[in-house]
Amino acid sequence: MAAVDALGDVWEPGSAAVLLDHVPLTHPDARVRLALVRALPGGAVVASGGGTQDEALAGRVVDALVALTRDEEPRVRDWAAFGLAQVEADSPAVRDALVALLDDQDLDARSEALLALASTGDDRARTALLRRLRSDTNVTLLELEAAVVLADPALHPELLRLAEDWADDVDEFTPVLQAALARSRPGAADDARRSEAAVVEEVRRVVPGLGLVELHGSYPRTVLVAAREPGDLAVHLPLWARGEDPAGDRRQDAVAALLGSLPPGRA
């Protein structure tokens, strides 16, 4: 188990390959399987700028994490869902594995799966979250984070009701609930479109001569795509991935992030 932990700490694709080759997913010791599921995501890290490391190895890691969502140990299932979110995995198999966890008996596994599914934009995350918000049981912080990620106006009435119920409470839930309310309120998508247009205009002003400046997708998963020259590896910059308020001014932060990711201009 210590060896598995040590390889996980390296956070390098080669270590994930060693683990997959030598540690079975069905190892009889749950502690070893837990160490394995914690260690594997380092082999499928999505690089900034839209590139990836070893695609074949990344696929093996994702397949292993999907399999581990069905483990008999709740903590392994919990970490498998978290790992799929870490590596930004998104495929029909991944989504179905996360959906299967939405009814898990373990609250942590359910919550991690909901947040991971929300990150893919799957409508089943909204349905599951609405069911939770309408229930009489306590909502978890991860479930509120899923509401932030989804930024879906269908959630807003239930989030408002929750805010009224929690009006006298100030704790770690408070800023997350406020972010979820701001991002799901009616009109948020229109504000986001105006903000996105301003970002594109500012990028073209501050970084003249870019060969590519485009917006892909739509709020809350809009991505700014930019490259200096035709044929250059494009930078992919999600504009709303950190829970930003669509009514806010994203120009300065977006330009700074873009300049930090673009390769130096050619002489």
C-alpha atoms as a PDB file:
ATOM      1  CA  MET A   1       0.000   0.000   0.000  1.00  0.00           C
ATOM      2  CA  ALA A   2       2.863   2.381   0.826  1.00  0.00           C
ATOM      3  CA  ALA A   3       4.362   1.765  -2.610  1.00  0.00           C
ATOM      4  CA  VAL A   4       1.052   2.618  -4.284  1.00  0.00           C
ATOM      5  CA  ASP A   5       0.806   5.822  -2.255  1.00  0.00           C
ATOM      6  CA  ALA A   6       4.372   6.759  -3.175  1.00  0.00           C
ATOM      7  CA  LEU A   7       3.738   6.258  -6.890  1.00  0.00           C
ATOM      8  CA  GLY A   8       0.609   8.356  -6.595  1.00  0.00           C
ATOM      9  CA  ASP A   9       2.583  11.188  -5.022  1.00  0.00           C
ATOM     10  CA  VAL A  10       4.796  11.365  -8.128  1.00  0.00           C
ATOM     11  CA  TRP A  11       1.770  12.557 -10.196  1.00  0.00           C
ATOM     12  CA  GLU A  12       3.383  11.394 -13.421  1.00  0.00           C
ATOM     13  CA  PRO A  13       1.963   9.252 -16.227  1.00  0.00           C
ATOM     14  CA  GLY A  14       4.686   6.635 -15.925  1.00  0.00           C
ATOM     15  CA  SER A  15       3.650   5.894 -12.353  1.00  0.00           C
ATOM     16  CA  ALA A  16       0.042   5.363 -13.425  1.00  0.00           C
ATOM     17  CA  ALA A  17       1.215   2.856 -16.057  1.00  0.00           C
ATOM     18  CA  VAL A  18       3.160   0.928 -13.408  1.00  0.00           C
ATOM     19  CA  LEU A  19       0.135   0.876 -11.124  1.00  0.00           C
ATOM     20  CA  LEU A  20      -2.225  -0.338 -13.845  1.00  0.00           C
ATOM     21  CA  ASP A  21       0.224  -3.040 -14.878  1.00  0.00           C
ATOM     22  CA  HIS A  22       0.908  -4.367 -11.387  1.00  0.00           C
ATOM     23  CA  VAL A  23      -2.006  -3.564  -9.047  1.00  0.00           C
ATOM     24  CA  PRO A  24      -5.273  -5.318  -9.908  1.00  0.00           C
ATOM     25  CA  LEU A  25      -8.460  -3.305  -9.589  1.00  0.00           C
ATOM     26  CA  THR A  26      -9.913  -6.266  -7.681  1.00  0.00           C
ATOM     27  CA  HIS A  27      -7.080  -6.440  -5.129  1.00  0.00           C
ATOM     28  CA  PRO A  28      -8.484  -8.171  -2.015  1.00  0.00           C
ATOM     29  CA  ASP A  29      -7.324  -5.409   0.338  1.00  0.00           C
ATOM     30  CA  ALA A  30      -9.656  -2.386   0.220  1.00  0.00           C
ATOM     31  CA  ARG A  31      -6.838  -0.195   1.540  1.00  0.00           C
ATOM     32  CA  VAL A  32      -4.761  -1.004  -1.537  1.00  0.00           C
ATOM     33  CA  ARG A  33      -7.686  -0.294  -3.863  1.00  0.00           C
ATOM     34  CA  LEU A  34      -8.228   3.027  -2.081  1.00  0.00           C
ATOM     35  CA  ALA A  35      -4.568   3.962  -2.490  1.00  0.00           C
ATOM     36  CA  LEU A  36      -4.813   2.969  -6.152  1.00  0.00           C
ATOM     37  CA  VAL A  37      -7.886   5.069  -6.927  1.00  0.00           C
ATOM     38  CA  ARG A  38      -6.263   8.072  -5.260  1.00  0.00           C
ATOM     39  CA  ALA A  39      -3.058   7.597  -7.255  1.00  0.00           C
ATOM     40  CA  LEU A  40      -4.394   6.971 -10.755  1.00  0.00           C
ATOM     41  CA  PRO A  41      -5.597  10.459 -11.841  1.00  0.00           C
ATOM     42  CA  GLY A  42      -2.008  11.668 -12.244  1.00  0.00           C
ATOM     43  CA  GLY A  43      -1.809   9.560 -15.388  1.00  0.00           C
ATOM     44  CA  ALA A  44      -4.594  11.402 -17.170  1.00  0.00           C
ATOM     45  CA  VAL A  45      -4.091  15.037 -16.232  1.00  0.00           C
ATOM     46  CA  VAL A  46      -5.407  17.391 -18.908  1.00  0.00           C
ATOM     47  CA  ALA A  47      -2.673  19.888 -19.717  1.00  0.00           C
ATOM     48  CA  SER A  48      -3.453  23.602 -19.860  1.00  0.00           C
ATOM     49  CA  GLY A  49      -3.928  24.797 -23.401  1.00  0.00           C
ATOM     50  CA  GLY A  50      -6.044  21.854 -24.478  1.00  0.00           C
ATOM     51  CA  GLY A  51      -3.296  19.257 -24.923  1.00  0.00           C
ATOM     52  CA  THR A  52      -3.114  15.953 -23.093  1.00  0.00           C
ATOM     53  CA  GLN A  53      -0.436  13.593 -22.012  1.00  0.00           C
ATOM     54  CA  ASP A  54      -0.379   9.978 -23.265  1.00  0.00           C
ATOM     55  CA  GLU A  55      -3.879   9.504 -24.736  1.00  0.00           C
ATOM     56  CA  ALA A  56      -3.776   5.704 -24.545  1.00  0.00           C
ATOM     57  CA  LEU A  57      -2.672   5.783 -20.921  1.00  0.00           C
ATOM     58  CA  ALA A  58      -5.257   8.435 -20.095  1.00  0.00           C
ATOM     59  CA  GLY A  59      -7.921   6.134 -21.537  1.00  0.00           C
ATOM     60  CA  ARG A  60      -6.696   3.242 -19.401  1.00  0.00           C
ATOM     61  CA  VAL A  61      -6.837   5.438 -16.299  1.00  0.00           C
ATOM     62  CA  VAL A  62     -10.378   6.577 -17.061  1.00  0.00           C
ATOM     63  CA  ASP A  63     -11.503   2.992 -17.714  1.00  0.00           C
ATOM     64  CA  ALA A  64     -10.003   1.943 -14.378  1.00  0.00           C
ATOM     65  CA  LEU A  65     -11.722   4.789 -12.540  1.00  0.00           C
ATOM     66  CA  VAL A  66     -15.045   3.868 -14.148  1.00  0.00           C
ATOM     67  CA  ALA A  67     -14.593   0.273 -12.985  1.00  0.00           C
ATOM     68  CA  LEU A  68     -13.742   1.442  -9.472  1.00  0.00           C
ATOM     69  CA  THR A  69     -17.026   3.371  -9.224  1.00  0.00           C
ATOM     70  CA  ARG A  70     -18.545  -0.097  -8.775  1.00  0.00           C
ATOM     71  CA  ASP A  71     -16.186  -1.131  -5.946  1.00  0.00           C
ATOM     72  CA  GLU A  72     -17.737  -2.597  -2.813  1.00  0.00           C
ATOM     73  CA  GLU A  73     -15.877  -0.093  -0.599  1.00  0.00           C
ATOM     74  CA  PRO A  74     -17.719   3.281  -0.385  1.00  0.00           C
ATOM     75  CA  ARG A  75     -14.514   5.322  -0.076  1.00  0.00           C
ATOM     76  CA  VAL A  76     -13.198   3.779  -3.280  1.00  0.00           C
ATOM     77  CA  ARG A  77     -16.409   4.692  -5.117  1.00  0.00           C
ATOM     78  CA  ASP A  78     -16.195   8.201  -3.671  1.00  0.00           C
ATOM     79  CA  TRP A  79     -12.607   8.695  -4.840  1.00  0.00           C
ATOM     80  CA  ALA A  80     -13.344   7.160  -8.241  1.00  0.00           C
ATOM     81  CA  ALA A  81     -16.021   9.787  -8.875  1.00  0.00           C
ATOM     82  CA  PHE A  82     -13.671  12.502  -7.641  1.00  0.00           C
ATOM     83  CA  GLY A  83     -10.907  11.176  -9.893  1.00  0.00           C
ATOM     84  CA  LEU A  84     -13.122  11.250 -12.968  1.00  0.00           C
ATOM     85  CA  ALA A  85     -13.809  14.916 -12.262  1.00  0.00           C
ATOM     86  CA  GLN A  86     -10.086  15.579 -11.721  1.00  0.00           C
ATOM     87  CA  VAL A  87      -9.174  14.272 -15.157  1.00  0.00           C
ATOM     88  CA  GLU A  88     -12.183  15.955 -16.794  1.00  0.00           C
ATOM     89  CA  ALA A  89     -13.367  12.635 -18.162  1.00  0.00           C
ATOM     90  CA  ASP A  90     -16.489  12.806 -20.295  1.00  0.00           C
ATOM     91  CA  SER A  91     -17.897   9.943 -22.330  1.00  0.00           C
ATOM     92  CA  PRO A  92     -21.146   7.962 -22.319  1.00  0.00           C
ATOM     93  CA  ALA A  93     -19.492   5.296 -20.145  1.00  0.00           C
ATOM     94  CA  VAL A  94     -18.226   7.896 -17.675  1.00  0.00           C
ATOM     95  CA  ARG A  95     -21.589   9.640 -17.450  1.00  0.00           C
ATOM     96  CA  ASP A  96     -23.471   6.374 -16.969  1.00  0.00           C
ATOM     97  CA  ALA A  97     -21.055   5.320 -14.213  1.00  0.00           C
ATOM     98  CA  LEU A  98     -21.630   8.630 -12.419  1.00  0.00           C
ATOM     99  CA  VAL A  99     -25.407   8.380 -12.857  1.00  0.00           C
ATOM    100  CA  ALA A 100     -25.307   4.918 -11.279  1.00  0.00           C
ATOM    101  CA  LEU A 101     -23.710   6.479  -8.201  1.00  0.00           C
ATOM    102  CA  LEU A 102     -26.453   9.078  -7.777  1.00  0.00           C
ATOM    103  CA  ASP A 103     -28.466   6.519  -5.796  1.00  0.00           C
ATOM    104  CA  ASP A 104     -25.470   5.179  -3.871  1.00  0.00           C
ATOM    105  CA  GLN A 105     -26.025   4.468  -0.182  1.00  0.00           C
ATOM    106  CA  ASP A 106     -22.919   6.490   0.667  1.00  0.00           C
ATOM    107  CA  LEU A 107     -23.568  10.246   0.836  1.00  0.00           C
ATOM    108  CA  ASP A 108     -20.003  11.213  -0.087  1.00  0.00           C
ATOM    109  CA  ALA A 109     -20.007   8.972  -3.152  1.00  0.00           C
ATOM    110  CA  ARG A 110     -23.389  10.372  -4.247  1.00  0.00           C
ATOM    111  CA  SER A 111     -22.249  13.959  -3.809  1.00  0.00           C
ATOM    112  CA  GLU A 112     -18.946  13.508  -5.636  1.00  0.00           C
ATOM    113  CA  ALA A 113     -20.747  11.763  -8.485  1.00  0.00           C
ATOM    114  CA  LEU A 114     -23.283  14.570  -8.766  1.00  0.00           C
ATOM    115  CA  LEU A 115     -20.562  17.221  -8.927  1.00  0.00           C
ATOM    116  CA  ALA A 116     -18.579  15.235 -11.494  1.00  0.00           C
ATOM    117  CA  LEU A 117     -21.694  14.683 -13.613  1.00  0.00           C
ATOM    118  CA  ALA A 118     -22.598  18.371 -13.383  1.00  0.00           C
ATOM    119  CA  SER A 119     -19.167  19.204 -14.785  1.00  0.00           C
ATOM    120  CA  THR A 120     -20.054  17.302 -17.959  1.00  0.00           C
ATOM    121  CA  GLY A 121     -23.269  19.304 -18.413  1.00  0.00           C
ATOM    122  CA  ASP A 122     -25.421  16.166 -18.357  1.00  0.00           C
ATOM    123  CA  ASP A 123     -29.113  16.972 -17.805  1.00  0.00           C
ATOM    124  CA  ARG A 124     -29.396  14.078 -15.372  1.00  0.00           C
ATOM    125  CA  ALA A 125     -27.313  16.076 -12.905  1.00  0.00           C
ATOM    126  CA  ARG A 126     -29.922  18.837 -12.892  1.00  0.00           C
ATOM    127  CA  THR A 127     -32.744  16.325 -12.374  1.00  0.00           C
ATOM    128  CA  ALA A 128     -30.924  14.666  -9.486  1.00  0.00           C
ATOM    129  CA  LEU A 129     -30.021  17.979  -7.879  1.00  0.00           C
ATOM    130  CA  LEU A 130     -33.585  19.279  -8.106  1.00  0.00           C
ATOM    131  CA  ARG A 131     -34.736  16.122  -6.353  1.00  0.00           C
ATOM    132  CA  ARG A 132     -32.207  16.711  -3.586  1.00  0.00           C
ATOM    133  CA  LEU A 133     -33.066  20.400  -3.191  1.00  0.00           C
ATOM    134  CA  ARG A 134     -36.746  19.515  -2.888  1.00  0.00           C
ATOM    135  CA  SER A 135     -36.146  16.809  -0.310  1.00  0.00           C
ATOM    136  CA  ASP A 136     -36.278  17.289   3.436  1.00  0.00           C
ATOM    137  CA  THR A 137     -32.715  16.089   3.950  1.00  0.00           C
ATOM    138  CA  ASN A 138     -29.671  18.308   4.358  1.00  0.00           C
ATOM    139  CA  VAL A 139     -27.943  19.481   1.182  1.00  0.00           C
ATOM    140  CA  THR A 140     -24.198  18.922   1.115  1.00  0.00           C
ATOM    141  CA  LEU A 141     -21.544  21.442   0.164  1.00  0.00           C
ATOM    142  CA  LEU A 142     -20.635  19.365  -2.889  1.00  0.00           C
ATOM    143  CA  GLU A 143     -24.257  19.431  -4.038  1.00  0.00           C
ATOM    144  CA  LEU A 144     -24.246  23.220  -3.791  1.00  0.00           C
ATOM    145  CA  GLU A 145     -21.009  23.255  -5.788  1.00  0.00           C
ATOM    146  CA  ALA A 146     -22.825  21.207  -8.416  1.00  0.00           C
ATOM    147  CA  ALA A 147     -25.465  23.950  -8.547  1.00  0.00           C
ATOM    148  CA  VAL A 148     -22.698  26.490  -9.140  1.00  0.00           C
ATOM    149  CA  VAL A 149     -21.312  24.393 -11.992  1.00  0.00           C
ATOM    150  CA  LEU A 150     -24.697  23.777 -13.607  1.00  0.00           C
ATOM    151  CA  ALA A 151     -25.790  27.446 -13.451  1.00  0.00           C
ATOM    152  CA  ASP A 152     -29.259  26.290 -14.492  1.00  0.00           C
ATOM    153  CA  PRO A 153     -32.254  28.645 -14.059  1.00  0.00           C
ATOM    154  CA  ALA A 154     -34.449  25.669 -13.191  1.00  0.00           C
ATOM    155  CA  LEU A 155     -32.524  25.456  -9.914  1.00  0.00           C
ATOM    156  CA  HIS A 156     -33.025  29.082  -8.925  1.00  0.00           C
ATOM    157  CA  PRO A 157     -36.417  28.846  -7.150  1.00  0.00           C
ATOM    158  CA  GLU A 158     -35.213  25.970  -4.968  1.00  0.00           C
ATOM    159  CA  LEU A 159     -31.945  27.750  -4.214  1.00  0.00           C
ATOM    160  CA  LEU A 160     -33.906  30.856  -3.203  1.00  0.00           C
ATOM    161  CA  ARG A 161     -36.017  28.786  -0.843  1.00  0.00           C
ATOM    162  CA  LEU A 162     -32.839  27.321   0.635  1.00  0.00           C
ATOM    163  CA  ALA A 163     -31.369  30.805   1.069  1.00  0.00           C
ATOM    164  CA  GLU A 164     -34.489  31.867   2.970  1.00  0.00           C
ATOM    165  CA  ASP A 165     -34.264  28.811   5.222  1.00  0.00           C
ATOM    166  CA  TRP A 166     -30.597  29.556   5.919  1.00  0.00           C
ATOM    167  CA  ALA A 167     -30.981  33.332   6.219  1.00  0.00           C
ATOM    168  CA  ASP A 168     -29.589  33.415   9.769  1.00  0.00           C
ATOM    169  CA  ASP A 169     -26.645  31.110   9.040  1.00  0.00           C
ATOM    170  CA  VAL A 170     -23.204  32.286   7.935  1.00  0.00           C
ATOM    171  CA  ASP A 171     -20.722  29.497   7.295  1.00  0.00           C
ATOM    172  CA  GLU A 172     -18.789  27.798   4.481  1.00  0.00           C
ATOM    173  CA  PHE A 173     -22.077  27.105   2.688  1.00  0.00           C
ATOM    174  CA  THR A 174     -22.950  30.798   2.413  1.00  0.00           C
ATOM    175  CA  PRO A 175     -20.606  31.930  -0.415  1.00  0.00           C
ATOM    176  CA  VAL A 176     -21.271  28.765  -2.402  1.00  0.00           C
ATOM    177  CA  LEU A 177     -25.033  29.271  -2.184  1.00  0.00           C
ATOM    178  CA  GLN A 178     -24.638  32.921  -3.190  1.00  0.00           C
ATOM    179  CA  ALA A 179     -22.566  31.887  -6.221  1.00  0.00           C
ATOM    180  CA  ALA A 180     -25.170  29.297  -7.203  1.00  0.00           C
ATOM    181  CA  LEU A 181     -27.933  31.911  -6.935  1.00  0.00           C
ATOM    182  CA  ALA A 182     -26.027  34.457  -9.026  1.00  0.00           C
ATOM    183  CA  ARG A 183     -25.187  31.966 -11.755  1.00  0.00           C
ATOM    184  CA  SER A 184     -28.657  30.417 -12.018  1.00  0.00           C
ATOM    185  CA  ARG A 185     -30.785  33.552 -11.757  1.00  0.00           C
ATOM    186  CA  PRO A 186     -32.991  34.589 -14.691  1.00  0.00           C
ATOM    187  CA  GLY A 187     -30.961  36.765 -17.029  1.00  0.00           C
ATOM    188  CA  ALA A 188     -27.601  35.280 -16.043  1.00  0.00           C
ATOM    189  CA  ALA A 189     -27.063  33.791 -19.499  1.00  0.00           C
ATOM    190  CA  ASP A 190     -27.741  37.166 -21.153  1.00  0.00           C
ATOM    191  CA  ASP A 191     -25.248  38.837 -18.818  1.00  0.00           C
ATOM    192  CA  ALA A 192     -22.731  36.128 -19.659  1.00  0.00           C
ATOM    193  CA  ARG A 193     -23.106  36.713 -23.400  1.00  0.00           C
ATOM    194  CA  ARG A 194     -22.455  40.423 -22.952  1.00  0.00           C
ATOM    195  CA  SER A 195     -19.447  39.695 -20.777  1.00  0.00           C
ATOM    196  CA  GLU A 196     -18.077  37.177 -23.277  1.00  0.00           C
ATOM    197  CA  ALA A 197     -18.380  39.666 -26.133  1.00  0.00           C
ATOM    198  CA  ALA A 198     -16.496  42.226 -24.030  1.00  0.00           C
ATOM    199  CA  VAL A 199     -13.756  39.654 -23.346  1.00  0.00           C
ATOM    200  CA  VAL A 200     -13.285  38.968 -27.057  1.00  0.00           C
ATOM    201  CA  GLU A 201     -13.126  42.693 -27.813  1.00  0.00           C
ATOM    202  CA  GLU A 202     -10.592  43.254 -25.023  1.00  0.00           C
ATOM    203  CA  VAL A 203      -8.430  40.325 -26.110  1.00  0.00           C
ATOM    204  CA  ARG A 204      -8.257  41.645 -29.645  1.00  0.00           C
ATOM    205  CA  ARG A 205      -7.344  45.095 -28.325  1.00  0.00           C
ATOM    206  CA  VAL A 206      -4.688  44.000 -25.840  1.00  0.00           C
ATOM    207  CA  VAL A 207      -3.198  41.149 -27.899  1.00  0.00           C
ATOM    208  CA  PRO A 208      -3.348  42.412 -31.483  1.00  0.00           C
ATOM    209  CA  GLY A 209      -2.540  40.196 -34.425  1.00  0.00           C
ATOM    210  CA  LEU A 210      -3.889  36.948 -33.002  1.00  0.00           C
ATOM    211  CA  GLY A 211      -4.594  34.480 -35.757  1.00  0.00           C
ATOM    212  CA  LEU A 212      -7.522  32.972 -33.880  1.00  0.00           C
ATOM    213  CA  VAL A 213      -9.947  34.361 -31.291  1.00  0.00           C
ATOM    214  CA  GLU A 214     -13.211  32.455 -30.949  1.00  0.00           C
ATOM    215  CA  LEU A 215     -15.832  31.496 -28.397  1.00  0.00           C
ATOM    216  CA  HIS A 216     -16.836  27.845 -28.281  1.00  0.00           C
ATOM    217  CA  GLY A 217     -19.882  26.528 -26.454  1.00  0.00           C
ATOM    218  CA  SER A 218     -22.255  28.559 -24.325  1.00  0.00           C
ATOM    219  CA  TYR A 219     -22.647  29.686 -20.715  1.00  0.00           C
ATOM    220  CA  PRO A 220     -21.736  28.200 -18.288  1.00  0.00           C
ATOM    221  CA  ARG A 221     -19.281  26.175 -20.393  1.00  0.00           C
ATOM    222  CA  THR A 222     -18.110  28.870 -22.802  1.00  0.00           C
ATOM    223  CA  VAL A 223     -14.468  28.475 -23.802  1.00  0.00           C
ATOM    224  CA  LEU A 224     -12.284  31.226 -25.291  1.00  0.00           C
ATOM    225  CA  VAL A 225     -10.047  29.694 -27.971  1.00  0.00           C
ATOM    226  CA  ALA A 226      -7.042  31.688 -29.158  1.00  0.00           C
ATOM    227  CA  ALA A 227      -3.786  31.174 -31.053  1.00  0.00           C
ATOM    228  CA  ARG A 228      -1.071  33.527 -32.281  1.00  0.00           C
ATOM    229  CA  GLU A 229      -0.513  31.938 -35.687  1.00  0.00           C
ATOM    230  CA  PRO A 230      -2.396  29.510 -37.937  1.00  0.00           C
ATOM    231  CA  GLY A 231      -1.219  26.044 -37.053  1.00  0.00           C
ATOM    232  CA  ASP A 232      -0.178  26.959 -33.488  1.00  0.00           C
ATOM    233  CA  LEU A 233      -1.603  24.902 -30.646  1.00  0.00           C
ATOM    234  CA  ALA A 234      -4.637  26.900 -29.529  1.00  0.00           C
ATOM    235  CA  VAL A 235      -5.182  27.932 -25.928  1.00  0.00           C
ATOM    236  CA  HIS A 236      -8.552  26.853 -24.513  1.00  0.00           C
ATOM    237  CA  LEU A 237      -9.661  29.096 -21.657  1.00  0.00           C
ATOM    238  CA  PRO A 238     -12.945  28.260 -19.875  1.00  0.00           C
ATOM    239  CA  LEU A 239     -14.553  31.556 -18.899  1.00  0.00           C
ATOM    240  CA  TRP A 240     -16.913  30.343 -16.163  1.00  0.00           C
ATOM    241  CA  ALA A 241     -15.211  27.262 -14.724  1.00  0.00           C
ATOM    242  CA  ARG A 242     -14.328  28.805 -11.345  1.00  0.00           C
ATOM    243  CA  GLY A 243     -17.802  29.870 -10.326  1.00  0.00           C
ATOM    244  CA  GLU A 244     -17.572  33.421 -11.678  1.00  0.00           C
ATOM    245  CA  ASP A 245     -20.645  35.668 -11.557  1.00  0.00           C
ATOM    246  CA  PRO A 246     -21.832  36.330 -15.133  1.00  0.00           C
ATOM    247  CA  ALA A 247     -22.678  39.892 -14.157  1.00  0.00           C
ATOM    248  CA  GLY A 248     -19.037  40.551 -13.333  1.00  0.00           C
ATOM    249  CA  ASP A 249     -16.347  41.955 -15.595  1.00  0.00           C
ATOM    250  CA  ARG A 250     -14.241  39.067 -16.904  1.00  0.00           C
ATOM    251  CA  ARG A 251     -11.986  41.104 -19.220  1.00  0.00           C
ATOM    252  CA  GLN A 252      -8.959  41.639 -16.992  1.00  0.00           C
ATOM    253  CA  ASP A 253      -8.828  38.104 -15.627  1.00  0.00           C
ATOM    254  CA  ALA A 254      -9.379  36.531 -19.041  1.00  0.00           C
ATOM    255  CA  VAL A 255      -6.677  38.609 -20.706  1.00  0.00           C
ATOM    256  CA  ALA A 256      -4.207  37.842 -17.912  1.00  0.00           C
ATOM    257  CA  ALA A 257      -4.934  34.105 -18.096  1.00  0.00           C
ATOM    258  CA  LEU A 258      -4.626  34.138 -21.869  1.00  0.00           C
ATOM    259  CA  LEU A 259      -1.310  36.012 -21.863  1.00  0.00           C
ATOM    260  CA  GLY A 260      -0.001  33.544 -19.318  1.00  0.00           C
ATOM    261  CA  SER A 261      -0.913  30.599 -21.566  1.00  0.00           C
ATOM    262  CA  LEU A 262       0.003  31.856 -25.042  1.00  0.00           C
ATOM    263  CA  PRO A 263       3.511  31.093 -26.315  1.00  0.00           C
ATOM    264  CA  PRO A 264       5.736  34.160 -26.815  1.00  0.00           C
ATOM    265  CA  GLY A 265       5.089  36.153 -29.969  1.00  0.00           C
ATOM    266  CA  ARG A 266       7.407  35.574 -32.899  1.00  0.00           C
ATOM    267  CA  ALA A 267       9.984  38.200 -33.750  1.00  0.00           C
END
